[in-house]
Amino acid sequence: QVQLVESGGGSVQAGGSLRLSCAASGYSYSVNCMAWFRQAPGKEREGVADIYIGGGLLYYADSVKGRFTISRDNVKNTLYLQMNNLKPEDTAMYYCATTSARIRVSGSWQCSHEGNFYDYWGQGTQVTVSS
């Protein structure tokens, strides 16, 4: 049974930082991609960042580039999202997700940024940024 458990959310003022963690366990298949998504009330789910484990390729949504950093600790089987210079528009429930799927773009393998490609999800951790 695959389990993803997020932690690290909270309430901060604009300009502050948080680090989200996602502890993964119970895998019986090869994971190719791990990702962070977020969803704010009344808005569609958004892919924030992902990492293609096979090649290390990283992706960031334009809205978080230069402020968020995705990383992975192979020994601890934990995915991280370091979030700096947080803005009120970053307020959302943040979810980590994993999948064995990958897509080929211009001859190279990478992760899909669409939630439908992901097999397993955590329960989410709330991030609230006040102005």
Protein backbone atom coordinates (compact mmCIF):
# COMPACT_ATOMS: atom_id res chain seq x y z
CA GLN A 1 0.00 0.00 0.00
CA VAL A 2 1.58 3.24 -1.19
CA GLN A 3 1.41 6.04 1.33
CA LEU A 4 2.32 9.68 0.86
CA VAL A 5 2.25 11.85 3.96
CA GLU A 6 2.73 15.58 3.61
CA SER A 7 3.79 17.92 6.38
CA GLY A 8 5.21 21.40 6.85
CA GLY A 9 2.25 23.56 5.92
CA GLY A 10 1.18 26.50 8.02
CA SER A 11 0.38 30.18 8.13
CA VAL A 12 3.01 32.78 7.27
CA GLN A 13 3.14 36.39 6.27
CA ALA A 14 3.99 37.46 2.77
CA GLY A 15 7.71 37.20 2.14
CA GLY A 16 8.09 34.28 4.51
CA SER A 17 9.22 30.73 3.85
CA LEU A 18 7.97 27.20 4.41
CA ARG A 19 9.36 23.79 3.57
CA LEU A 20 6.91 21.06 2.73
CA SER A 21 7.83 17.40 3.09
CA CYS A 22 6.25 14.30 1.60
CA ALA A 23 7.28 10.98 3.10
CA ALA A 24 6.71 8.08 0.73
CA SER A 25 6.42 4.41 1.63
CA GLY A 26 5.01 1.10 0.44
CA TYR A 27 6.13 1.24 -3.17
CA SER A 28 5.94 -1.96 -5.17
CA TYR A 29 6.61 -0.37 -8.53
CA SER A 30 9.12 1.94 -10.12
CA VAL A 31 8.35 5.61 -9.60
CA ASN A 32 9.36 7.87 -12.46
CA CYS A 33 7.88 11.15 -11.35
CA MET A 34 7.15 12.92 -8.10
CA ALA A 35 5.32 16.20 -8.02
CA TRP A 36 3.70 18.92 -5.98
CA PHE A 37 0.26 20.22 -6.88
CA ARG A 38 -1.88 22.84 -5.23
CA GLN A 39 -5.51 23.79 -5.22
CA ALA A 40 -7.04 26.97 -3.88
CA PRO A 41 -10.76 27.28 -3.13
CA GLY A 42 -12.72 27.85 -6.31
CA LYS A 43 -9.71 27.27 -8.52
CA GLU A 44 -8.45 24.37 -10.62
CA ARG A 45 -5.66 22.13 -9.41
CA GLU A 46 -2.28 23.44 -10.53
CA GLY A 47 0.96 21.59 -11.05
CA VAL A 48 3.57 23.49 -9.04
CA ALA A 49 6.76 21.48 -9.52
CA ASP A 50 7.87 18.01 -10.48
CA ILE A 51 11.00 15.94 -10.76
CA TYR A 52 11.75 13.19 -13.28
CA ILE A 53 13.63 10.72 -11.14
CA GLY A 54 15.26 8.90 -14.03
CA GLY A 55 16.99 11.97 -15.41
CA GLY A 56 16.66 14.57 -12.68
CA LEU A 57 14.76 16.99 -14.90
CA LEU A 58 12.92 19.60 -12.86
CA TYR A 59 9.82 21.56 -13.76
CA TYR A 60 8.35 24.65 -12.14
CA ALA A 61 5.17 26.51 -12.91
CA ASP A 62 5.85 30.06 -14.07
CA SER A 63 4.09 31.39 -10.98
CA VAL A 64 6.68 29.85 -8.64
CA LYS A 65 9.92 29.96 -10.66
CA GLY A 66 12.75 31.51 -8.72
CA ARG A 67 10.89 31.15 -5.41
CA PHE A 68 10.20 27.41 -4.98
CA THR A 69 12.67 24.53 -5.10
CA ILE A 70 11.74 20.86 -5.41
CA SER A 71 14.16 18.24 -4.16
CA ARG A 72 14.27 14.61 -3.12
CA ASP A 73 16.14 12.63 -0.48
CA ASN A 74 16.59 9.14 -1.90
CA VAL A 75 17.66 7.64 1.43
CA LYS A 76 14.68 8.99 3.33
CA ASN A 77 12.25 8.49 0.41
CA THR A 78 11.09 12.03 1.00
CA LEU A 79 10.11 14.77 -1.43
CA TYR A 80 10.52 18.40 -0.45
CA LEU A 81 9.26 21.76 -1.61
CA GLN A 82 11.16 24.75 -0.32
CA MET A 83 8.97 27.82 -0.70
CA ASN A 84 10.55 31.25 -0.32
CA ASN A 85 9.19 34.76 -0.75
CA LEU A 86 5.66 33.47 -0.33
CA LYS A 87 2.80 35.53 -1.68
CA PRO A 88 -0.90 35.58 -0.73
CA GLU A 89 -1.69 33.96 -4.08
CA ASP A 90 0.32 30.92 -2.96
CA THR A 91 -2.42 30.15 -0.42
CA ALA A 92 -3.76 26.68 -1.21
CA MET A 93 -3.84 23.06 -0.18
CA TYR A 94 -0.63 21.46 -1.36
CA TYR A 95 -0.48 17.82 -2.40
CA CYS A 96 2.37 15.54 -3.36
CA ALA A 97 1.82 12.86 -5.96
CA THR A 98 3.74 10.08 -7.66
CA THR A 99 3.44 8.05 -10.83
CA SER A 100 5.23 5.44 -12.86
CA ALA A 101 4.08 7.23 -16.02
CA ARG A 102 6.32 9.50 -18.06
CA ILE A 103 5.97 11.28 -21.38
CA ARG A 104 8.33 11.77 -24.27
CA VAL A 105 8.81 15.34 -25.42
CA SER A 106 11.24 16.19 -28.23
CA GLY A 107 12.99 12.87 -27.79
CA SER A 108 13.46 13.13 -24.04
CA TRP A 109 11.55 11.57 -21.17
CA GLN A 110 9.96 13.89 -18.65
CA CYS A 111 7.06 14.15 -16.24
CA SER A 112 3.58 15.21 -17.12
CA HIS A 113 2.45 18.33 -15.30
CA GLU A 114 -1.17 17.17 -15.36
CA GLY A 115 -2.67 15.61 -12.28
CA ASN A 116 -4.48 12.93 -14.26
CA PHE A 117 -1.15 11.21 -14.92
CA TYR A 118 -0.45 10.66 -11.24
CA ASP A 119 -1.38 7.45 -9.45
CA TYR A 120 -0.94 8.20 -5.78
CA TRP A 121 -1.69 11.29 -3.74
CA GLY A 122 -1.12 12.49 -0.24
CA GLN A 123 -3.82 13.96 1.97
CA GLY A 124 -2.57 17.50 1.52
CA THR A 125 -1.13 20.20 3.74
CA GLN A 126 -2.57 23.71 3.97
CA VAL A 127 -0.45 26.76 3.22
CA THR A 128 -1.88 30.15 4.10
CA VAL A 129 -0.04 33.37 3.29
CA SER A 130 -1.32 36.64 4.68
CA SER A 131 -0.52 40.08 3.31
